[in-house]
Protein backbone atom coordinates (compact mmCIF):
# COMPACT_ATOMS: atom_id res chain seq x y z
CA MET A 1 92.24 20.29 76.93
CA LEU A 2 91.01 22.37 79.88
CA LEU A 3 89.61 20.59 82.92
CA VAL A 4 87.17 22.56 85.06
CA TYR A 5 86.42 21.54 88.62
CA THR A 6 83.05 22.69 89.92
CA PRO A 7 80.96 21.29 92.78
CA LYS A 8 77.91 21.05 90.49
CA ILE A 9 77.61 20.76 86.72
CA THR A 10 74.57 22.58 85.34
CA SER A 11 73.23 23.38 81.87
CA ARG A 12 74.00 27.06 82.39
CA LEU A 13 77.54 26.34 83.45
CA THR A 14 78.43 24.06 80.53
CA TYR A 15 76.72 26.45 78.10
CA VAL A 16 78.67 29.54 79.07
CA PHE A 17 82.02 27.79 79.64
CA LYS A 18 81.87 26.26 76.16
CA HIS A 19 81.17 29.64 74.62
CA PHE A 20 83.94 31.27 76.63
CA PHE A 21 86.63 28.66 76.08
CA THR A 22 85.69 26.54 73.05
CA ARG A 23 84.05 29.07 70.75
CA ILE A 24 86.05 32.19 71.67
CA LEU A 25 89.42 30.74 72.72
CA SER A 26 89.42 27.46 70.74
CA ILE A 27 90.16 25.39 73.85
CA GLU A 28 88.50 22.01 74.31
CA ILE A 29 86.94 21.64 77.75
CA GLN A 30 85.81 18.97 80.20
CA PHE A 31 84.11 19.20 83.58
CA THR A 32 84.46 17.24 86.78
CA THR A 33 82.99 17.25 90.27
CA LYS A 34 85.66 14.86 91.55
CA VAL A 35 88.55 16.44 93.42
CA ASP A 36 90.91 13.48 92.89
CA LYS A 37 90.44 13.58 89.13
CA PHE A 38 91.09 17.31 89.11
CA VAL A 39 94.24 17.03 91.25
CA ALA A 40 95.62 14.23 89.06
CA HIS A 41 95.21 16.28 85.87
CA ASN A 42 98.58 17.73 84.85
CA GLY A 43 97.39 20.01 82.07
CA LEU A 44 95.37 23.21 81.86
CA LYS A 45 92.83 23.36 84.69
CA ILE A 46 90.78 25.80 86.75
CA THR A 47 88.44 25.67 89.72
CA TYR A 48 85.09 27.41 89.55
CA ALA A 49 83.56 27.35 93.03
CA LYS A 50 82.95 29.38 96.17
CA GLN A 51 86.36 28.48 97.59
CA PRO A 52 89.61 27.19 96.04
CA LEU A 53 90.82 23.66 96.70
CA GLY A 54 94.41 24.83 97.18
CA THR A 55 96.67 27.07 95.14
CA GLU A 56 95.24 26.20 91.72
CA PHE A 57 93.94 28.70 89.15
CA PHE A 58 90.69 29.70 90.82
CA ILE A 59 87.75 31.84 89.72
CA GLN A 60 85.19 32.45 92.42
CA SER A 61 81.57 31.75 91.53
CA LYS A 62 78.40 33.65 92.15
CA ASP A 63 75.07 31.77 92.31
CA LEU A 64 73.66 32.54 88.86
CA LEU A 65 74.94 29.46 87.01
CA TYR A 66 73.53 27.17 89.71
CA GLN A 67 70.06 28.74 89.68
CA GLN A 68 67.00 28.17 87.52
CA GLY A 69 64.44 30.60 86.19
CA VAL A 70 64.64 34.38 86.12
CA ASN A 71 65.08 36.44 89.27
CA ASP A 72 65.56 40.11 89.97
CA ILE A 73 69.36 40.23 90.31
CA GLU A 74 71.33 43.20 91.54
CA VAL A 75 73.93 44.17 88.92
CA LYS A 76 76.66 46.68 89.69
CA VAL A 77 78.88 47.49 86.74
CA SER A 78 82.38 48.83 87.40
CA ALA A 79 85.68 49.33 85.60
CA TRP A 80 88.08 46.43 85.09
CA GLU A 81 91.24 47.91 83.66
CA GLU A 82 90.38 48.94 80.07
CA THR A 83 86.94 47.30 80.10
CA LYS A 84 83.89 46.96 82.37
CA CYS A 85 82.42 44.02 84.21
CA PHE A 86 80.00 43.02 86.99
CA PHE A 87 79.42 40.35 89.64
CA LYS A 88 82.50 41.28 91.67
CA VAL A 89 84.15 38.56 93.78
CA SER A 90 86.84 38.39 96.48
CA ASP A 91 90.61 38.76 96.18
CA LYS A 92 90.99 34.98 96.31
CA SER A 93 89.85 34.83 92.70
CA ALA A 94 92.36 35.04 89.85
CA VAL A 95 90.08 37.64 88.25
CA PRO A 96 88.06 40.20 90.21
CA TYR A 97 84.69 39.26 88.68
CA ASP A 98 82.69 36.13 88.02
CA VAL A 99 83.10 36.53 84.26
CA PHE A 100 81.13 33.34 83.60
CA ALA A 101 78.01 34.47 85.45
CA ALA A 102 78.32 37.89 83.82
CA SER A 103 78.70 36.27 80.40
CA PHE A 104 75.64 34.09 80.94
CA TYR A 105 73.59 37.12 81.99
CA LEU A 106 74.45 38.83 78.71
CA LEU A 107 74.39 35.83 76.36
CA SER A 108 71.07 34.47 77.60
CA ARG A 109 69.59 37.97 77.27
CA TYR A 110 68.52 37.61 80.90
CA GLU A 111 67.55 41.28 81.07
CA GLU A 112 65.09 40.82 78.20
CA TYR A 113 63.07 38.42 80.37
CA LEU A 114 62.84 41.00 83.15
CA PRO A 115 60.17 43.74 83.19
CA HIS A 116 61.08 46.51 80.75
CA VAL A 117 59.53 49.22 78.59
CA LYS A 118 59.16 48.10 74.97
CA ASP A 119 59.41 50.39 71.96
CA LYS A 120 56.55 51.12 69.54
CA PHE A 121 57.31 47.93 67.61
CA ASN A 122 57.08 45.84 70.78
CA ARG A 123 60.85 45.26 70.85
CA PHE A 124 63.37 45.33 73.67
CA PRO A 125 65.09 48.68 73.07
CA ALA A 126 68.83 49.21 73.32
CA GLU A 127 68.26 52.01 75.82
CA GLU A 128 66.91 49.48 78.33
CA SER A 129 70.05 47.36 78.17
CA LEU A 130 72.87 47.22 80.68
CA ALA A 131 75.39 47.65 77.86
CA TYR A 132 73.83 50.93 76.72
CA LYS A 133 73.36 52.35 80.20
CA TYR A 134 76.96 51.62 81.20
CA GLU A 135 78.44 52.49 77.81
CA PHE A 136 79.92 49.17 76.73
CA LEU A 137 77.47 48.42 73.91
CA GLU A 138 80.14 49.04 71.26
CA LYS A 139 82.57 46.59 72.87
CA PRO A 140 82.34 42.78 72.64
CA VAL A 141 83.08 42.56 76.36
CA ILE A 142 82.60 38.79 76.71
CA ASP A 143 85.31 38.20 74.12
CA ILE A 144 87.50 40.81 75.82
CA TRP A 145 87.05 39.06 79.19
CA ALA A 146 87.92 35.72 77.59
CA TYR A 147 91.19 37.10 76.22
CA LYS A 148 92.05 38.59 79.61
CA VAL A 149 91.56 35.18 81.23
CA ARG A 150 93.61 33.58 78.47
CA GLU A 151 96.56 35.89 79.22
CA LEU A 152 96.46 34.88 82.89
CA LEU A 153 96.31 31.21 81.95
CA LYS A 154 99.29 31.62 79.63
CA ILE A 155 101.34 32.92 82.56
CA ARG A 156 100.29 30.01 84.79
CA PHE A 157 100.46 27.24 82.15
CA THR A 158 103.50 28.13 80.05
CA GLU A 159 103.67 24.79 78.21
CA PHE A 160 100.09 24.88 76.92
CA GLN A 161 99.76 25.82 73.23
CA PHE A 162 96.98 28.36 72.77
CA ILE A 163 95.45 28.53 69.29
CA ALA A 164 93.78 31.69 68.01
CA LYS A 165 90.74 31.39 65.76
CA LYS A 166 90.47 33.49 62.60
CA PHE A 167 88.70 36.81 62.22
CA GLU A 168 85.70 36.52 59.87
CA PHE A 169 83.69 39.10 57.95
CA ILE A 170 80.10 38.51 56.74
CA SER A 171 77.96 40.91 54.73
CA THR A 172 74.22 40.38 55.05
CA ILE A 173 71.56 41.95 52.82
CA ASP A 174 67.88 42.26 53.74
CA ILE A 175 65.44 42.46 50.84
CA ASP A 176 62.42 44.16 52.38
CA CYS A 177 61.40 45.46 48.97
CA ALA A 178 63.11 44.04 45.88
CA TYR A 179 62.00 46.85 43.57
CA ASN A 180 60.86 50.41 44.19
CA TYR A 181 58.59 50.66 41.13
CA LYS A 182 58.74 47.51 39.01
CA HIS A 183 56.50 44.45 39.39
CA LYS A 184 54.18 46.10 41.94
CA GLY A 185 51.05 45.91 39.84
CA ILE A 186 48.81 48.56 38.32
CA ILE A 187 46.96 49.56 41.52
CA ARG A 188 50.09 50.14 43.61
CA ASN A 189 51.74 52.15 40.84
CA ILE A 190 48.66 54.28 40.18
CA GLY A 191 48.58 54.99 43.90
CA GLY A 192 52.26 55.88 43.78
CA PHE A 193 51.83 58.23 40.80
CA SER A 194 48.89 59.96 42.52
CA LYS A 195 50.73 60.41 45.81
CA GLU A 196 53.81 61.84 44.09
CA LEU A 197 51.75 64.17 41.91
CA PHE A 198 49.62 65.62 44.71
CA SER A 199 52.60 65.98 47.08
CA LEU A 200 54.60 67.69 44.30
CA GLN A 201 57.27 64.95 44.23
CA PHE A 202 57.87 65.49 40.53
CA ARG A 203 61.32 63.87 40.49
CA ASN A 204 59.94 60.66 42.00
CA PHE A 205 57.00 60.81 39.57
CA TRP A 206 59.43 61.07 36.64
CA ASN A 207 61.72 58.32 38.01
CA ARG A 208 58.76 55.97 38.39
CA PHE A 209 57.66 56.66 34.83
CA MET A 210 61.16 56.14 33.38
CA VAL A 211 61.56 52.81 35.21
CA LEU A 212 58.13 51.52 34.21
CA VAL A 213 58.78 52.22 30.50
CA ASN A 214 62.18 50.47 30.85
CA LEU A 215 64.27 53.57 30.18
CA ARG A 216 65.92 53.50 33.59
CA GLN A 217 66.90 50.76 36.05
CA ASP A 218 64.81 50.43 39.19
CA PRO A 219 66.77 52.15 42.00
CA PHE A 220 66.35 49.14 44.33
CA ASP A 221 67.62 46.69 41.72
CA ASN A 222 71.23 46.50 42.93
CA PHE A 223 71.51 42.73 42.93
CA ASP A 224 73.93 42.35 40.01
CA TRP A 225 76.22 44.92 41.61
CA LEU A 226 76.08 43.17 45.00
CA LEU A 227 76.92 39.83 43.41
CA LYS A 228 79.77 41.50 41.52
CA MET A 229 81.13 42.84 44.82
CA GLN A 230 80.84 39.37 46.31
CA LYS A 231 82.78 37.78 43.47
CA ARG A 232 85.40 40.51 43.11
CA HIS A 233 86.26 40.63 46.82
CA HIS A 234 85.62 36.96 47.69
CA LEU A 235 83.09 38.24 50.19
CA LYS A 236 80.78 35.99 52.17
CA THR A 237 77.33 37.48 51.49
CA ILE A 238 73.92 36.24 52.67
CA PHE A 239 70.60 37.53 51.26
CA PHE A 240 67.41 37.46 53.37
CA PHE A 241 64.15 37.62 51.40
CA LEU A 242 60.80 38.81 52.74
CA VAL A 243 58.09 36.60 51.18
CA SER A 244 55.06 37.69 53.18
CA GLU A 245 51.64 38.85 52.08
CA TYR A 246 51.35 42.65 51.81
CA THR A 247 50.76 44.39 55.17
CA THR A 248 51.39 47.80 56.69
CA TYR A 249 54.89 46.70 57.63
CA ASP A 250 55.63 44.16 54.88
CA LYS A 251 55.66 45.77 51.44
CA ASN A 252 57.68 43.51 49.18
CA ILE A 253 56.67 42.41 45.71
CA SER A 254 53.90 39.80 45.57
CA VAL A 255 55.47 36.40 46.13
CA GLY A 256 53.32 35.10 43.27
CA ASN A 257 55.11 37.42 40.82
CA SER A 258 57.23 35.33 38.44
CA LYS A 259 59.90 38.05 38.12
CA PHE A 260 60.32 38.17 41.89
CA GLN A 261 60.59 34.39 42.06
CA SER A 262 63.17 34.44 39.25
CA LEU A 263 65.20 37.02 41.18
CA ILE A 264 65.24 34.85 44.31
CA LYS A 265 66.27 31.79 42.29
CA SER A 266 69.04 33.69 40.51
CA ILE A 267 70.47 35.04 43.78
CA ALA A 268 70.35 31.55 45.30
CA ASP A 269 72.55 30.31 42.44
CA TYR A 270 75.41 32.52 43.63
CA ALA A 271 74.93 33.15 47.36
CA PRO A 272 73.25 31.70 50.46
CA VAL A 273 69.60 32.74 50.79
CA GLY A 274 67.77 33.02 54.09
CA LEU A 275 64.25 33.85 55.22
CA HIS A 276 63.29 37.34 56.35
CA PRO A 277 60.25 36.44 58.49
CA SER A 278 57.62 39.16 58.30
CA TYR A 279 56.57 41.64 60.98
CA PHE A 280 53.80 39.49 62.44
CA THR A 281 55.83 36.28 62.76
CA MET A 282 57.43 37.35 66.04
CA LYS A 283 55.13 35.06 68.03
CA ASN A 284 53.10 33.47 65.23
CA ALA A 285 54.52 30.00 64.54
CA THR A 286 51.92 29.20 61.87
CA LYS A 287 52.75 32.27 59.78
CA LEU A 288 56.48 31.68 60.20
CA LYS A 289 56.16 28.11 58.97
CA LYS A 290 54.07 29.20 56.00
CA GLU A 291 56.69 31.73 54.89
CA LYS A 292 59.55 29.28 55.34
CA ILE A 293 57.80 26.68 53.18
CA ARG A 294 56.97 29.35 50.60
CA LEU A 295 60.63 30.34 50.20
CA GLU A 296 61.77 26.71 50.15
CA ASN A 297 59.32 25.98 47.34
CA ILE A 298 60.75 28.84 45.29
CA ILE A 299 64.41 27.77 45.52
CA ASN A 300 63.81 24.03 46.03
CA THR A 301 66.23 24.05 48.95
CA GLU A 302 65.78 23.79 52.70
CA ILE A 303 65.98 27.18 54.43
CA THR A 304 68.36 27.12 57.40
CA LYS A 305 69.08 30.85 57.90
CA SER A 306 66.76 33.57 59.15
CA ARG A 307 66.54 37.20 60.25
CA GLN A 308 63.40 38.78 61.68
CA HIS A 309 61.89 41.76 59.84
CA TYR A 310 62.16 44.91 61.98
CA LEU A 311 64.43 42.77 64.20
CA ARG A 312 61.34 41.78 66.19
CA ILE A 313 62.42 39.15 68.70
CA GLY A 314 60.13 38.03 71.49
CA LEU A 315 61.99 35.83 73.96
CA PRO A 316 61.73 32.94 74.14
CA GLU A 317 58.87 32.37 71.65
CA THR A 318 60.51 33.67 68.46
CA TYR A 319 63.58 31.49 68.86
CA GLN A 320 61.57 28.49 70.08
CA ASN A 321 59.55 28.65 66.87
CA LEU A 322 62.71 28.78 64.77
CA VAL A 323 64.08 25.76 66.65
CA ASP A 324 60.85 23.84 65.98
CA LEU A 325 61.18 24.61 62.26
CA GLU A 326 64.79 23.36 62.30
CA VAL A 327 66.32 26.69 61.35
CA ASP A 328 70.05 26.42 62.09
CA GLU A 329 71.11 30.07 62.20
CA ASP A 330 69.45 33.36 63.11
CA TYR A 331 70.97 36.76 62.32
CA SER A 332 68.55 39.01 64.28
CA MET A 333 70.73 39.63 67.33
CA GLY A 334 71.27 43.37 67.15
CA TYR A 335 69.47 46.65 67.74
CA ALA A 336 67.66 48.89 65.26
CA LYS A 337 68.41 52.23 66.93
CA GLN A 338 71.95 51.65 68.20
CA ILE A 339 75.08 50.04 66.82
CA GLY A 340 77.12 47.53 68.79
CA PHE A 341 76.80 44.10 70.34
CA ARG A 342 73.37 43.29 71.76
CA ALA A 343 74.60 40.12 73.48
CA SER A 344 78.05 41.62 74.20
CA THR A 345 79.86 39.08 72.04
CA CYS A 346 81.11 39.04 68.46
CA THR A 347 81.35 35.25 68.40
CA PRO A 348 78.35 33.20 67.18
CA PHE A 349 76.63 31.47 70.10
CA TYR A 350 73.64 29.24 70.77
CA PHE A 351 70.24 30.30 72.02
CA TYR A 352 69.82 29.27 75.63
CA ASP A 353 66.14 28.66 76.38
CA MET A 354 65.52 30.04 79.86
CA GLU A 355 62.05 28.50 79.93
CA TYR A 356 63.40 24.96 79.68
CA GLU A 357 66.95 25.62 80.93
CA ILE A 358 68.64 24.06 77.91
CA GLN A 359 71.02 25.05 75.15
CA THR A 360 69.21 24.74 71.82
CA PRO A 361 70.71 23.90 68.40
CA LEU A 362 69.83 27.40 67.09
CA LYS A 363 73.04 29.34 66.47
CA LEU A 364 72.76 33.12 66.84
CA ILE A 365 75.08 35.19 64.65
CA PRO A 366 75.11 38.73 66.08
CA PHE A 367 75.50 41.71 63.77
CA ALA A 368 77.30 44.88 64.84
CA VAL A 369 75.94 47.61 62.60
CA MET A 370 73.05 48.33 60.24
CA ASP A 371 72.82 50.94 57.48
CA VAL A 372 69.48 52.36 58.64
CA THR A 373 70.78 52.74 62.20
CA LEU A 374 73.64 54.93 61.06
CA LYS A 375 71.72 57.11 58.62
CA ASP A 376 68.19 57.31 60.02
CA TYR A 377 68.38 56.81 63.78
CA LEU A 378 71.83 58.21 64.54
CA GLN A 379 71.80 60.57 61.52
CA TYR A 380 75.50 60.15 60.85
CA SER A 381 77.19 61.57 57.78
CA ASN A 382 78.74 59.14 55.31
CA LYS A 383 82.18 59.97 56.68
CA LYS A 384 81.17 59.31 60.28
CA SER A 385 79.27 56.17 59.27
CA LEU A 386 82.38 54.75 57.60
CA HIS A 387 84.47 55.63 60.65
CA LYS A 388 82.02 53.89 63.01
CA ILE A 389 81.81 50.73 60.89
CA LEU A 390 85.59 50.39 60.77
CA GLU A 391 85.87 51.20 64.48
CA LEU A 392 83.57 48.29 65.28
CA ALA A 393 85.45 46.04 62.85
CA LYS A 394 88.71 46.80 64.67
CA GLU A 395 87.13 45.86 68.00
CA VAL A 396 86.11 42.50 66.52
CA LYS A 397 89.51 41.97 64.92
CA LYS A 398 91.24 42.42 68.30
CA VAL A 399 89.50 39.29 69.57
CA ASN A 400 89.36 37.40 66.27
CA GLY A 401 85.58 37.42 66.25
CA THR A 402 82.99 37.46 63.45
CA PHE A 403 82.14 40.91 62.12
CA VAL A 404 78.65 41.02 60.59
CA ILE A 405 77.13 44.05 58.88
CA LEU A 406 73.52 44.54 57.77
CA ASN A 407 72.53 46.47 54.65
CA HIS A 408 69.45 46.58 52.44
CA ASN A 409 69.36 46.34 48.66
CA GLU A 410 67.64 49.72 48.52
CA THR A 411 70.52 51.32 50.45
CA PHE A 412 72.65 51.26 47.31
CA ASN A 413 70.23 53.31 45.17
CA GLU A 414 72.54 56.37 45.09
CA LEU A 415 69.56 58.63 45.74
CA GLY A 416 68.59 60.77 48.72
CA ARG A 417 70.04 60.04 52.14
CA PHE A 418 71.99 56.98 50.95
CA LYS A 419 73.81 58.72 48.12
CA GLY A 420 77.42 57.48 48.21
CA TRP A 421 76.68 54.28 50.13
CA LYS A 422 78.07 52.08 47.37
CA LEU A 423 81.46 53.76 47.83
CA ILE A 424 81.25 53.27 51.61
CA TYR A 425 80.47 49.58 51.11
CA GLU A 426 83.52 49.12 48.89
CA LYS A 427 85.74 51.04 51.29
CA VAL A 428 84.56 48.87 54.19
CA ILE A 429 85.27 45.67 52.25
CA LYS A 430 88.76 46.80 51.23
CA ALA A 431 89.65 48.06 54.72
CA ILE A 432 88.52 44.83 56.36
CA HIS A 433 90.43 42.72 53.85
CA LYS A 434 93.55 44.61 54.92
CA MET A 435 92.73 43.82 58.56
CA GLU A 436 92.41 40.12 57.69
CA LYS A 437 95.94 40.05 56.34
CA VAL A 438 97.50 41.50 59.50
C-alpha cells in the first residue's frame, strides 16, 4: 500500500492518483493530511506538496489539482529523457515535472473545455490537441510517466513488491450499415440501381443484382467470419450496433426489419453487444435513451457498452447522458483523423465531470487506431497500415496497457480500398498474441 501525504485532499487529486498508481501500476493507495501518520508509516510513501517534509520521496505540486473549474493555463511541453512532459517543477522534486497535474490535464480532456475550432462534424479535432501539436499523440505518455515514477520508487523502496498488470487486446467492430444491398427495401435499392446506372458504375450495379437474387453474399455481411476469428484466436470482440432511424449520417438497415433484428440477436449469443448511438445523440439525451431501449428490447439484455457514431463527443453533456442512462463503459475516446491516444493513456479510466468536479462511474476505454483513419484520412497502404497498428500495439505492450482497435464490418468486404484487410486483421491478431506470450 502506498501512502500519499498532501496538505489537501481533493476530488481531482484522488482521481488522478488512483489512475496513476492503482489502475496503471496496480498499487493500492491511501491519502493523509496528517504529518504524524505519514512519518509513522514504514512502507511505500510519497509527499505531494509545495515543499517536502524532510528527505522523503517528494514530488512537487502545481496548483491544478487544488483548483476548481476551467482556467486558461499556460502549458509548456518539453523533453523528459525519451518522452515529453509539462508543468515543470524545481530540483527538489524527485521528478522534474508535476506528472499528476499533467495527467489530470490530459485525462480530464481539460483542453476540450477550452475555446477551440471544431471540425465540420462539430468535434474536437486531433489537430487542436496538445498531443498532436507536440508530437506525442502516438505515445501513451501518462502510462510512460507512471512507469518512470515506479522505477524511482523501486530504487528508494527496495523491499516493496511491485506487481505488473497484464497487457490486454480488444477488437471492436462498429456496424454502421449491416448490409450493403440486402434488407434495404425496394425504394432504397431502386435508388441505388439508378445511381449506379447513370454514373456508369456497372460493377456495383451487377454486384447489387447478384446479391439481391441470392447468387452472391452481401459484401458487408462478414459477421460469420468475424465470429470465426473470435473463436479461433480466443479474441475479445465487442460489436456496436447503430439502431437509429434513417438520417443523412445514419444509414443502417431499418431497426424494424426482422432480418436485422435476427442478426443482432445472433451476434449477442456469441459476443458482447453495445450501442452505437447515432449522429444526433451527441447532446440529445431523449434520442440516446430511445435508442438504448430499442437495442435492449431486441436482445432482452441491459446495454452497458457504448460508442458514439462519428465519434461525436460533446463534453461534458455526452458523457453525462451516458451516466444518467447507467451505461458502464464508453469506447469513443479516440480521433477520427489521427491514430494514437486521445487522452494520452492506454489504460481504461473514468470520466471526470469538470462541471460537478466528481469522478463518475462511467469507464472510458480508449482506442488507439481505426481502419477508416488509416485508409481514408491518412491514406496509408495496407503494408504501412499494418506497420502502424503493430507499432502502437508495441507501445501499449511496453506499459502493459489495453490495446483497442476499431474496425467496421464493411471493412472486410475485400473490395475497393479495403481489399486485403481481412489478411491484415489476421496478421494483427497473430502478432499481438505473440506479444502477449513474451
